[in-house]
């Protein structure tokens, strides 16, 4: 496999703040002895309100580069740590 999910809907757990995670990783088992792959999806805004521009909701888009990330960013952290 190696492409995005085709219209499948998966439940997403909310964090402590009530927001969905910025990235969502979907493990896909390998076929016929191949190594398993991980598909990465990034959270994007689904729409915005007219007056204030507040997000109406979220959806996930497939990230073909597939780099996991989206965790906490501390100013004293080294890049790639």
C-alpha atoms as a PDB file:
ATOM      1  CA  UNK A   1       0.000   0.000   0.000  1.00  0.00           C
ATOM      2  CA  UNK A   2       1.623   3.432   0.182  1.00  0.00           C
ATOM      3  CA  UNK A   3      -1.163   5.797  -0.755  1.00  0.00           C
ATOM      4  CA  UNK A   4      -3.774   7.582   1.269  1.00  0.00           C
ATOM      5  CA  UNK A   5      -6.826   5.923   2.755  1.00  0.00           C
ATOM      6  CA  UNK A   6      -9.602   5.835   0.193  1.00  0.00           C
ATOM      7  CA  UNK A   7     -12.558   7.511   1.878  1.00  0.00           C
ATOM      8  CA  UNK A   8     -12.280   5.528   5.102  1.00  0.00           C
ATOM      9  CA  UNK A   9     -13.237   7.245   8.331  1.00  0.00           C
ATOM     10  CA  UNK A  10     -11.255   6.548  11.492  1.00  0.00           C
ATOM     11  CA  UNK A  11     -12.048   7.784  15.014  1.00  0.00           C
ATOM     12  CA  UNK A  12      -9.574  10.353  16.367  1.00  0.00           C
ATOM     13  CA  UNK A  13      -9.069  10.796  20.092  1.00  0.00           C
ATOM     14  CA  UNK A  14      -9.058  14.359  21.400  1.00  0.00           C
ATOM     15  CA  UNK A  15      -6.251  15.709  23.537  1.00  0.00           C
ATOM     16  CA  UNK A  16      -6.456  17.297  26.991  1.00  0.00           C
ATOM     17  CA  UNK A  17      -7.413  20.648  25.436  1.00  0.00           C
ATOM     18  CA  UNK A  18     -10.251  19.142  23.391  1.00  0.00           C
ATOM     19  CA  UNK A  19      -8.369  19.553  20.115  1.00  0.00           C
ATOM     20  CA  UNK A  20      -7.504  16.720  17.726  1.00  0.00           C
ATOM     21  CA  UNK A  21      -3.785  15.986  17.274  1.00  0.00           C
ATOM     22  CA  UNK A  22      -1.841  17.931  14.614  1.00  0.00           C
ATOM     23  CA  UNK A  23      -0.602  14.735  12.987  1.00  0.00           C
ATOM     24  CA  UNK A  24      -2.218  11.316  12.843  1.00  0.00           C
ATOM     25  CA  UNK A  25      -0.230   8.206  12.007  1.00  0.00           C
ATOM     26  CA  UNK A  26      -1.952   5.136  10.539  1.00  0.00           C
ATOM     27  CA  UNK A  27       0.079   1.914  10.631  1.00  0.00           C
ATOM     28  CA  UNK A  28      -0.447  -0.290   7.567  1.00  0.00           C
ATOM     29  CA  UNK A  29       0.772  -3.891   7.708  1.00  0.00           C
ATOM     30  CA  UNK A  30       3.011  -5.010   4.851  1.00  0.00           C
ATOM     31  CA  UNK A  31       1.804  -7.461   2.223  1.00  0.00           C
ATOM     32  CA  UNK A  32       3.619 -10.739   1.517  1.00  0.00           C
ATOM     33  CA  UNK A  33       6.582 -10.148   3.809  1.00  0.00           C
ATOM     34  CA  UNK A  34       7.042  -6.455   3.054  1.00  0.00           C
ATOM     35  CA  UNK A  35       7.936  -4.088   5.861  1.00  0.00           C
ATOM     36  CA  UNK A  36       4.962  -2.306   7.456  1.00  0.00           C
ATOM     37  CA  UNK A  37       4.478   1.343   6.507  1.00  0.00           C
ATOM     38  CA  UNK A  38       3.085   4.294   8.436  1.00  0.00           C
ATOM     39  CA  UNK A  39       0.837   6.785   6.636  1.00  0.00           C
ATOM     40  CA  UNK A  40       0.970  10.310   8.084  1.00  0.00           C
ATOM     41  CA  UNK A  41      -1.947  12.736   7.958  1.00  0.00           C
ATOM     42  CA  UNK A  42      -1.778  16.430   8.926  1.00  0.00           C
ATOM     43  CA  UNK A  43      -4.635  18.422  10.481  1.00  0.00           C
ATOM     44  CA  UNK A  44      -5.919  21.314   8.353  1.00  0.00           C
ATOM     45  CA  UNK A  45      -8.774  23.729   8.849  1.00  0.00           C
ATOM     46  CA  UNK A  46     -12.009  22.514   7.242  1.00  0.00           C
ATOM     47  CA  UNK A  47     -13.584  25.959   7.071  1.00  0.00           C
ATOM     48  CA  UNK A  48     -13.758  29.343   8.785  1.00  0.00           C
ATOM     49  CA  UNK A  49     -16.505  31.555  10.158  1.00  0.00           C
ATOM     50  CA  UNK A  50     -17.397  34.581   8.120  1.00  0.00           C
ATOM     51  CA  UNK A  51     -16.781  37.417  10.561  1.00  0.00           C
ATOM     52  CA  UNK A  52     -13.939  36.338  12.837  1.00  0.00           C
ATOM     53  CA  UNK A  53     -12.265  33.675  10.735  1.00  0.00           C
ATOM     54  CA  UNK A  54     -12.488  31.087  13.530  1.00  0.00           C
ATOM     55  CA  UNK A  55     -12.096  27.441  12.495  1.00  0.00           C
ATOM     56  CA  UNK A  56     -15.390  25.619  11.937  1.00  0.00           C
ATOM     57  CA  UNK A  57     -13.790  22.236  12.110  1.00  0.00           C
ATOM     58  CA  UNK A  58     -10.793  20.131  11.176  1.00  0.00           C
ATOM     59  CA  UNK A  59      -9.977  17.508   8.598  1.00  0.00           C
ATOM     60  CA  UNK A  60      -6.863  15.498   7.853  1.00  0.00           C
ATOM     61  CA  UNK A  61      -4.907  15.577   4.604  1.00  0.00           C
ATOM     62  CA  UNK A  62      -2.471  12.890   3.537  1.00  0.00           C
ATOM     63  CA  UNK A  63       1.198  13.909   3.788  1.00  0.00           C
ATOM     64  CA  UNK A  64       3.026  12.068   0.969  1.00  0.00           C
ATOM     65  CA  UNK A  65       6.434  12.831   2.518  1.00  0.00           C
ATOM     66  CA  UNK A  66       5.241  11.001   5.606  1.00  0.00           C
ATOM     67  CA  UNK A  67       7.377  12.682   8.226  1.00  0.00           C
ATOM     68  CA  UNK A  68       5.851  12.292  11.671  1.00  0.00           C
ATOM     69  CA  UNK A  69       5.902  15.361  13.848  1.00  0.00           C
ATOM     70  CA  UNK A  70       3.700  17.972  15.423  1.00  0.00           C
ATOM     71  CA  UNK A  71       4.826  17.433  19.005  1.00  0.00           C
ATOM     72  CA  UNK A  72       5.870  20.080  21.472  1.00  0.00           C
ATOM     73  CA  UNK A  73       8.492  22.503  20.225  1.00  0.00           C
ATOM     74  CA  UNK A  74      10.762  23.797  22.966  1.00  0.00           C
ATOM     75  CA  UNK A  75      13.117  26.700  22.185  1.00  0.00           C
ATOM     76  CA  UNK A  76      16.062  24.862  23.777  1.00  0.00           C
ATOM     77  CA  UNK A  77      15.476  21.625  21.838  1.00  0.00           C
ATOM     78  CA  UNK A  78      17.909  20.596  19.161  1.00  0.00           C
ATOM     79  CA  UNK A  79      16.560  20.231  15.603  1.00  0.00           C
ATOM     80  CA  UNK A  80      15.538  16.652  14.862  1.00  0.00           C
ATOM     81  CA  UNK A  81      15.616  15.651  18.534  1.00  0.00           C
END
